[in-house]
Every structure is written in C-alpha cells, then in structure tokens.
Amino acid sequence: MKAVYKIIDKLLANPNKLNLMALDKVLTLGIPFNAPHGFKIKTLSPDAVIIALPNRKLNHNHLGGVHACAMATVGEYCAGLSLLTSFGISKYRLIMSELNVKYSYQGRVDLEGFCSPHQIDVEKLRAGLEAEGKYSQKLVTTIRDLNGKEVAEVTTVWQLKNWEQVNTKG
C-alpha cells in the first residue's frame, strides 16, 4: 500500500493534465464507492480543488435531479483532496470524522465541487501533529451548478494522523 501512496504523492506534486487523469484512475480504484459517480478532477492546485459531478441518471434522485448523497460525496472528495495537496497521503492517514450538508437548490445540470486549500493553516496543523500525533481540520466545499448557482455547502472535519501511530487492529 505504501508504494501506491508514494505514486499518489508524485501525481499530486505535479498536477498537470496527464497526472490528473492518472490520479482520477488511481483514486477510482482506491475509492471504489466513488467510481459510479463519474467524478473528474478538473483543478488541483494550492488555490483550488475543483471536481466535476456529472448530471447523469446514475446520480439522480427520485425527482430527476442530482442526488443529495452524490453532492455530499463530491464535497467530501474535494475536501480530502485539498488536504492531500498540502500533506500527501504517504505520511499521514486522513479520515473524515464529521459531515454536514446544507442544500439550497436542486441540482439539475452538471455540478462542480470547489474547496480551497487556503482554509488549511498548514503550520498550525503541523504543530498539532507534532504535539498530539493527530489533528482535526474543518473544511468547507461549495457545490455549484455550471451556471454558477450554489446548490449546496458541504462541511467536513478530517482527522490527520501519522501512519506510524495508526492502529488498524480491532
């Protein structure tokens, strides 16, 4: 698994078009729950993470709009990738500990999730990891339709922890 994490970190370090396509493939395999949604990473930079959520039948609710859970998932995905742009995956484990979504409008066209890595105080987070071995980070992702109308706001809280301190045995 460590080898895969190093590959992901290399792709994150140079997010050109080819690497974003490769990252999409690797993450689709690594996070199979997200695969049916058809998410595509559009932008991955220190300023913005933008992920496309297509308006297709598989992502629809019973009313024919984009399902609330698909929006929540793309919001989680954007936030997680925002953390990865700053910290990578090979040194720290990321796990979501809280999720809250405020829906404001029905999504009826393709949507995009937007999360800014600038929400992360990197130095404060590093200091917390050094002192406690783990740190919780809150992030907000905005979901907009392609007309720019906000349809949802997804707030997530993530725990980062050094892999060496992770105990996965039950």
C-alpha atoms as a PDB file:
ATOM      1  CA  MET A   1       0.000   0.000   0.000  1.00  0.00           C
ATOM      2  CA  LYS A   2       2.864   2.373   0.760  1.00  0.00           C
ATOM      3  CA  ALA A   3       4.010   2.157  -2.870  1.00  0.00           C
ATOM      4  CA  VAL A   4       0.568   3.294  -4.069  1.00  0.00           C
ATOM      5  CA  TYR A   5       0.637   6.208  -1.624  1.00  0.00           C
ATOM      6  CA  LYS A   6       4.008   7.311  -2.999  1.00  0.00           C
ATOM      7  CA  ILE A   7       2.599   7.203  -6.534  1.00  0.00           C
ATOM      8  CA  ILE A   8      -0.362   9.330  -5.424  1.00  0.00           C
ATOM      9  CA  ASP A   9       2.008  11.822  -3.776  1.00  0.00           C
ATOM     10  CA  LYS A  10       4.041  12.084  -7.011  1.00  0.00           C
ATOM     11  CA  LEU A  11       0.899  12.723  -9.043  1.00  0.00           C
ATOM     12  CA  LEU A  12      -0.264  15.343  -6.522  1.00  0.00           C
ATOM     13  CA  ALA A  13       3.114  17.101  -6.641  1.00  0.00           C
ATOM     14  CA  ASN A  14       2.795  17.785 -10.378  1.00  0.00           C
ATOM     15  CA  PRO A  15      -0.922  18.142 -11.203  1.00  0.00           C
ATOM     16  CA  ASN A  16      -0.655  18.530 -14.972  1.00  0.00           C
ATOM     17  CA  LYS A  17      -3.432  17.233 -17.227  1.00  0.00           C
ATOM     18  CA  LEU A  18      -1.895  13.782 -17.693  1.00  0.00           C
ATOM     19  CA  ASN A  19      -1.223  13.356 -13.968  1.00  0.00           C
ATOM     20  CA  LEU A  20      -4.781  14.420 -13.106  1.00  0.00           C
ATOM     21  CA  MET A  21      -6.114  11.750 -15.469  1.00  0.00           C
ATOM     22  CA  ALA A  22      -3.821   9.177 -13.832  1.00  0.00           C
ATOM     23  CA  LEU A  23      -4.849  10.371 -10.360  1.00  0.00           C
ATOM     24  CA  ASP A  24      -8.526  10.007 -11.332  1.00  0.00           C
ATOM     25  CA  LYS A  25      -7.848   6.391 -12.326  1.00  0.00           C
ATOM     26  CA  VAL A  26      -5.822   5.528  -9.218  1.00  0.00           C
ATOM     27  CA  LEU A  27      -8.379   7.113  -6.866  1.00  0.00           C
ATOM     28  CA  THR A  28     -11.288   5.447  -8.666  1.00  0.00           C
ATOM     29  CA  LEU A  29      -9.642   2.086  -7.966  1.00  0.00           C
ATOM     30  CA  GLY A  30      -8.635   3.088  -4.430  1.00  0.00           C
ATOM     31  CA  ILE A  31     -12.042   4.523  -3.505  1.00  0.00           C
ATOM     32  CA  PRO A  32     -14.469   2.185  -5.292  1.00  0.00           C
ATOM     33  CA  PHE A  33     -17.520   3.839  -3.682  1.00  0.00           C
ATOM     34  CA  ASN A  34     -16.835   6.957  -5.779  1.00  0.00           C
ATOM     35  CA  ALA A  35     -16.415   5.105  -9.095  1.00  0.00           C
ATOM     36  CA  PRO A  36     -20.090   5.007 -10.204  1.00  0.00           C
ATOM     37  CA  HIS A  37     -20.492   8.767  -9.745  1.00  0.00           C
ATOM     38  CA  GLY A  38     -18.097   9.633 -12.582  1.00  0.00           C
ATOM     39  CA  PHE A  39     -16.235  12.349 -10.670  1.00  0.00           C
ATOM     40  CA  LYS A  40     -13.416  14.033 -12.600  1.00  0.00           C
ATOM     41  CA  ILE A  41     -10.710  16.212 -11.095  1.00  0.00           C
ATOM     42  CA  LYS A  42     -10.741  19.478 -13.051  1.00  0.00           C
ATOM     43  CA  THR A  43      -8.350  21.555 -10.941  1.00  0.00           C
ATOM     44  CA  LEU A  44      -5.872  20.582  -8.267  1.00  0.00           C
ATOM     45  CA  SER A  45      -3.736  23.484  -7.086  1.00  0.00           C
ATOM     46  CA  PRO A  46      -2.703  25.283  -3.892  1.00  0.00           C
ATOM     47  CA  ASP A  47      -5.601  27.690  -4.583  1.00  0.00           C
ATOM     48  CA  ALA A  48      -8.439  25.371  -5.566  1.00  0.00           C
ATOM     49  CA  VAL A  49      -9.633  21.823  -5.860  1.00  0.00           C
ATOM     50  CA  ILE A  50     -12.492  21.516  -8.340  1.00  0.00           C
ATOM     51  CA  ILE A  51     -14.209  18.221  -9.082  1.00  0.00           C
ATOM     52  CA  ALA A  52     -16.912  17.670 -11.673  1.00  0.00           C
ATOM     53  CA  LEU A  53     -20.084  15.808 -10.716  1.00  0.00           C
ATOM     54  CA  PRO A  54     -21.951  14.840 -13.896  1.00  0.00           C
ATOM     55  CA  ASN A  55     -25.712  15.113 -14.140  1.00  0.00           C
ATOM     56  CA  ARG A  56     -26.433  11.589 -15.254  1.00  0.00           C
ATOM     57  CA  LYS A  57     -29.115   9.037 -14.456  1.00  0.00           C
ATOM     58  CA  LEU A  58     -26.936   7.069 -12.032  1.00  0.00           C
ATOM     59  CA  ASN A  59     -26.519  10.248  -9.902  1.00  0.00           C
ATOM     60  CA  HIS A  60     -30.225  11.160  -9.920  1.00  0.00           C
ATOM     61  CA  ASN A  61     -32.726  11.130  -7.093  1.00  0.00           C
ATOM     62  CA  HIS A  62     -36.374  10.167  -7.470  1.00  0.00           C
ATOM     63  CA  LEU A  63     -37.194  13.690  -8.748  1.00  0.00           C
ATOM     64  CA  GLY A  64     -34.661  13.572 -11.578  1.00  0.00           C
ATOM     65  CA  GLY A  65     -32.149  15.971 -10.021  1.00  0.00           C
ATOM     66  CA  VAL A  66     -28.678  15.250  -8.709  1.00  0.00           C
ATOM     67  CA  HIS A  67     -28.982  13.126  -5.562  1.00  0.00           C
ATOM     68  CA  ALA A  68     -28.140  14.732  -2.217  1.00  0.00           C
ATOM     69  CA  CYS A  69     -25.698  11.944  -1.368  1.00  0.00           C
ATOM     70  CA  ALA A  70     -23.791  12.436  -4.634  1.00  0.00           C
ATOM     71  CA  MET A  71     -23.369  16.119  -3.713  1.00  0.00           C
ATOM     72  CA  ALA A  72     -22.240  15.218  -0.195  1.00  0.00           C
ATOM     73  CA  THR A  73     -19.737  12.744  -1.610  1.00  0.00           C
ATOM     74  CA  VAL A  74     -18.211  15.191  -4.089  1.00  0.00           C
ATOM     75  CA  GLY A  75     -17.933  17.702  -1.229  1.00  0.00           C
ATOM     76  CA  GLU A  76     -16.089  15.143   0.895  1.00  0.00           C
ATOM     77  CA  TYR A  77     -13.846  14.243  -2.049  1.00  0.00           C
ATOM     78  CA  CYS A  78     -12.892  17.895  -2.722  1.00  0.00           C
ATOM     79  CA  ALA A  79     -12.025  18.490   0.917  1.00  0.00           C
ATOM     80  CA  GLY A  80      -9.955  15.324   1.164  1.00  0.00           C
ATOM     81  CA  LEU A  81      -8.015  16.251  -1.962  1.00  0.00           C
ATOM     82  CA  SER A  82      -7.457  19.743  -0.541  1.00  0.00           C
ATOM     83  CA  LEU A  83      -5.706  18.138   2.421  1.00  0.00           C
ATOM     84  CA  LEU A  84      -3.741  15.835   0.137  1.00  0.00           C
ATOM     85  CA  THR A  85      -2.431  18.787  -1.885  1.00  0.00           C
ATOM     86  CA  SER A  86      -0.814  20.110   1.303  1.00  0.00           C
ATOM     87  CA  PHE A  87       0.189  16.900   3.087  1.00  0.00           C
ATOM     88  CA  GLY A  88       0.084  13.975   0.676  1.00  0.00           C
ATOM     89  CA  ILE A  89      -1.034  10.513   1.723  1.00  0.00           C
ATOM     90  CA  SER A  90       2.205   8.624   2.337  1.00  0.00           C
ATOM     91  CA  LYS A  91       2.952  10.208   5.731  1.00  0.00           C
ATOM     92  CA  TYR A  92      -0.494  10.906   7.182  1.00  0.00           C
ATOM     93  CA  ARG A  93      -3.767   8.991   7.300  1.00  0.00           C
ATOM     94  CA  LEU A  94      -6.837  11.086   6.570  1.00  0.00           C
ATOM     95  CA  ILE A  95     -10.212  10.049   7.887  1.00  0.00           C
ATOM     96  CA  MET A  96     -13.405  12.058   7.892  1.00  0.00           C
ATOM     97  CA  SER A  97     -14.944  12.414  11.340  1.00  0.00           C
ATOM     98  CA  GLU A  98     -17.874  14.762  10.590  1.00  0.00           C
ATOM     99  CA  LEU A  99     -20.057  15.640   7.610  1.00  0.00           C
ATOM    100  CA  ASN A 100     -22.728  18.322   7.384  1.00  0.00           C
ATOM    101  CA  VAL A 101     -24.512  19.439   4.234  1.00  0.00           C
ATOM    102  CA  LYS A 102     -26.739  22.443   3.694  1.00  0.00           C
ATOM    103  CA  TYR A 103     -28.751  22.122   0.493  1.00  0.00           C
ATOM    104  CA  SER A 104     -30.060  25.334  -1.039  1.00  0.00           C
ATOM    105  CA  TYR A 105     -31.133  24.488  -4.567  1.00  0.00           C
ATOM    106  CA  GLN A 106     -31.950  21.413  -6.684  1.00  0.00           C
ATOM    107  CA  GLY A 107     -29.056  20.460  -8.986  1.00  0.00           C
ATOM    108  CA  ARG A 108     -30.426  19.771 -12.462  1.00  0.00           C
ATOM    109  CA  VAL A 109     -27.285  20.188 -14.589  1.00  0.00           C
ATOM    110  CA  ASP A 110     -23.654  19.134 -14.190  1.00  0.00           C
ATOM    111  CA  LEU A 111     -22.242  20.289 -10.872  1.00  0.00           C
ATOM    112  CA  GLU A 112     -18.799  21.159  -9.538  1.00  0.00           C
ATOM    113  CA  GLY A 113     -17.412  20.938  -6.042  1.00  0.00           C
ATOM    114  CA  PHE A 114     -14.970  23.687  -5.050  1.00  0.00           C
ATOM    115  CA  CYS A 115     -12.728  23.614  -1.983  1.00  0.00           C
ATOM    116  CA  SER A 116      -9.869  25.984  -1.240  1.00  0.00           C
ATOM    117  CA  PRO A 117      -6.744  24.528   0.384  1.00  0.00           C
ATOM    118  CA  HIS A 118      -6.183  28.066   1.773  1.00  0.00           C
ATOM    119  CA  GLN A 119      -8.633  27.116   4.548  1.00  0.00           C
ATOM    120  CA  ILE A 120      -5.853  24.969   5.998  1.00  0.00           C
ATOM    121  CA  ASP A 121      -3.406  26.625   8.376  1.00  0.00           C
ATOM    122  CA  VAL A 122      -0.527  24.328   7.411  1.00  0.00           C
ATOM    123  CA  GLU A 123       1.805  25.477  10.180  1.00  0.00           C
ATOM    124  CA  LYS A 124      -0.872  25.120  12.886  1.00  0.00           C
ATOM    125  CA  LEU A 125      -1.771  21.684  11.564  1.00  0.00           C
ATOM    126  CA  ARG A 126       1.872  20.554  11.514  1.00  0.00           C
ATOM    127  CA  ALA A 127       2.359  21.855  15.059  1.00  0.00           C
ATOM    128  CA  GLY A 128      -0.740  19.942  16.198  1.00  0.00           C
ATOM    129  CA  LEU A 129       0.526  16.767  14.562  1.00  0.00           C
ATOM    130  CA  GLU A 130       3.908  17.207  16.254  1.00  0.00           C
ATOM    131  CA  ALA A 131       2.395  17.862  19.683  1.00  0.00           C
ATOM    132  CA  GLU A 132      -0.571  15.451  19.685  1.00  0.00           C
ATOM    133  CA  GLY A 133       0.198  12.978  16.914  1.00  0.00           C
ATOM    134  CA  LYS A 134      -3.153  13.826  15.315  1.00  0.00           C
ATOM    135  CA  TYR A 135      -5.075  16.922  14.276  1.00  0.00           C
ATOM    136  CA  SER A 136      -8.657  17.758  13.254  1.00  0.00           C
ATOM    137  CA  GLN A 137      -9.236  20.097  10.312  1.00  0.00           C
ATOM    138  CA  LYS A 138     -12.572  21.587   9.241  1.00  0.00           C
ATOM    139  CA  LEU A 139     -13.088  22.311   5.535  1.00  0.00           C
ATOM    140  CA  VAL A 140     -15.971  23.802   3.559  1.00  0.00           C
ATOM    141  CA  THR A 141     -16.741  22.778  -0.020  1.00  0.00           C
ATOM    142  CA  THR A 142     -19.187  24.716  -2.184  1.00  0.00           C
ATOM    143  CA  ILE A 143     -21.222  22.803  -4.759  1.00  0.00           C
ATOM    144  CA  ARG A 144     -22.321  24.912  -7.741  1.00  0.00           C
ATOM    145  CA  ASP A 145     -24.085  24.203 -10.978  1.00  0.00           C
ATOM    146  CA  LEU A 146     -22.429  25.176 -14.252  1.00  0.00           C
ATOM    147  CA  ASN A 147     -24.429  28.423 -14.229  1.00  0.00           C
ATOM    148  CA  GLY A 148     -22.651  29.406 -11.006  1.00  0.00           C
ATOM    149  CA  LYS A 149     -25.671  28.896  -8.739  1.00  0.00           C
ATOM    150  CA  GLU A 150     -24.797  27.442  -5.348  1.00  0.00           C
ATOM    151  CA  VAL A 151     -26.735  24.250  -4.700  1.00  0.00           C
ATOM    152  CA  ALA A 152     -25.072  23.030  -1.504  1.00  0.00           C
ATOM    153  CA  GLU A 153     -22.388  23.686   1.081  1.00  0.00           C
ATOM    154  CA  VAL A 154     -20.583  20.657   2.497  1.00  0.00           C
ATOM    155  CA  THR A 155     -18.685  20.985   5.773  1.00  0.00           C
ATOM    156  CA  THR A 156     -16.339  18.172   6.716  1.00  0.00           C
ATOM    157  CA  VAL A 157     -13.984  17.607   9.618  1.00  0.00           C
ATOM    158  CA  TRP A 158     -10.929  15.465   8.983  1.00  0.00           C
ATOM    159  CA  GLN A 159      -8.532  13.789  11.354  1.00  0.00           C
ATOM    160  CA  LEU A 160      -4.935  13.567  10.195  1.00  0.00           C
ATOM    161  CA  LYS A 161      -2.687  11.124  11.961  1.00  0.00           C
ATOM    162  CA  ASN A 162       0.831   9.882  11.330  1.00  0.00           C
ATOM    163  CA  TRP A 163       0.627   6.405   9.748  1.00  0.00           C
ATOM    164  CA  GLU A 164       3.091   5.117  12.344  1.00  0.00           C
ATOM    165  CA  GLN A 165       0.521   5.849  15.075  1.00  0.00           C
ATOM    166  CA  VAL A 166      -2.453   4.268  13.305  1.00  0.00           C
ATOM    167  CA  ASN A 167      -3.726   1.092  14.933  1.00  0.00           C
ATOM    168  CA  THR A 168      -5.965  -0.754  12.494  1.00  0.00           C
ATOM    169  CA  LYS A 169      -6.259  -3.949  14.505  1.00  0.00           C
ATOM    170  CA  GLY A 170      -9.706  -4.474  16.052  1.00  0.00           C
END
